[in-house]
């Protein structure tokens, strides 16, 4: 039993992911709104019993890893999984290590607790120098046309937890030129005891193209909607920007930025879905750097904040309220521009226009108002 000291999680993400196809290694492909590896990293980084997380990457994948994770601790791996893990073990200082495959993006905190408890927590398994999650085999198995008894068979998962010194020794003693299926196999060969704990279907591996849809479906999504509203004054001598499109008119909208009332209302609606304040919170009109700024920057900023939470924008609906100009001739250009800014198909961008029957400031042609509604999905 291992007690006390530091615990480091080692995420193995140095493979090519060739069986999954695609232009980039599978660990950097998005699942549930963010790169696969980001889910695993977040699970370990948030766990109170994990002191540090180290990501093993392939040489040349630094840019992809930085884009997925930011400035986290990374170590370049070797030509094989075994070499990659060995390099990671040499780079860390701890008493316990959890080795995890990045192809298993969703890591329940309860599984982390179970493998650590098997080493040194309450209810730990005496004498164990390693622990791994497993699931019972439910399907009938056949080899060469003959049914194989399922008794005693389990599906092995990660994270696998080890006494670090023991795992280092197992790697050092492993025969050159022979590959191991996992680290538990190496420790067993050394004579170490591996405790088996209950795994979780959330840990199923993403290997083939069809596995991505299955993994995405495992995530519980929450639908949120929020509204936005904005008004700007019409003045002579100003350009008229609406929905990211420059519209010929005898007057334009006045404001600190380009005063695109449509994009401002949409920005507020998107910010509202994640309770992130309003446009003025992020881009104060008192700040001179935003004078005359393209409002597309505001809209894309809000979209990025949603993406950073693993969310996705599902639909937006915009209503413009004015007597002039006529919106109809410019509607499709606006839909195309907003769709391009948000990465949405035009069938997910609705733009409507109405008047106030010449009542109020919009009816008198003094300004234009915009009302927006955004619907997004966020992982729970």
Foldseek 3Di string as FASTA:
>chain_A
DDDDKAEEEEEEAADQLPQADDDGRQQLDDFLLAGLLLLQVVLQVPAPRHDFYEYEYAPVCVVSVCVRHNDHHYDYADDDSLRRVLRVLVPDDIFKYWYAYSQLRHDDSVQVVVFVQCPYNVVHPPQAFKEWEWAQDDDFDDDPRHTDDSPPDIHTHDRMMGRSVLLNVLSVPDDPPDDDPDSVVSSVVVVGDYHYDHDDPSRDGDRYNVVSVVNNVVFDKDKFKFKFKDKFWWDAPAFAAELNDTDDDRTHTDDQASRHQFLQGLLQGLCVRVVNDHLCVVPPSVDNVRGNHRSLVSNLVSLVVQSVQSKAWQAKAKEKEAPDDDCVVCVVVSLVSNCVSRVHDSVRYHYYYDYPCLDDCRSVVGIMMMMMMTMMMGGD
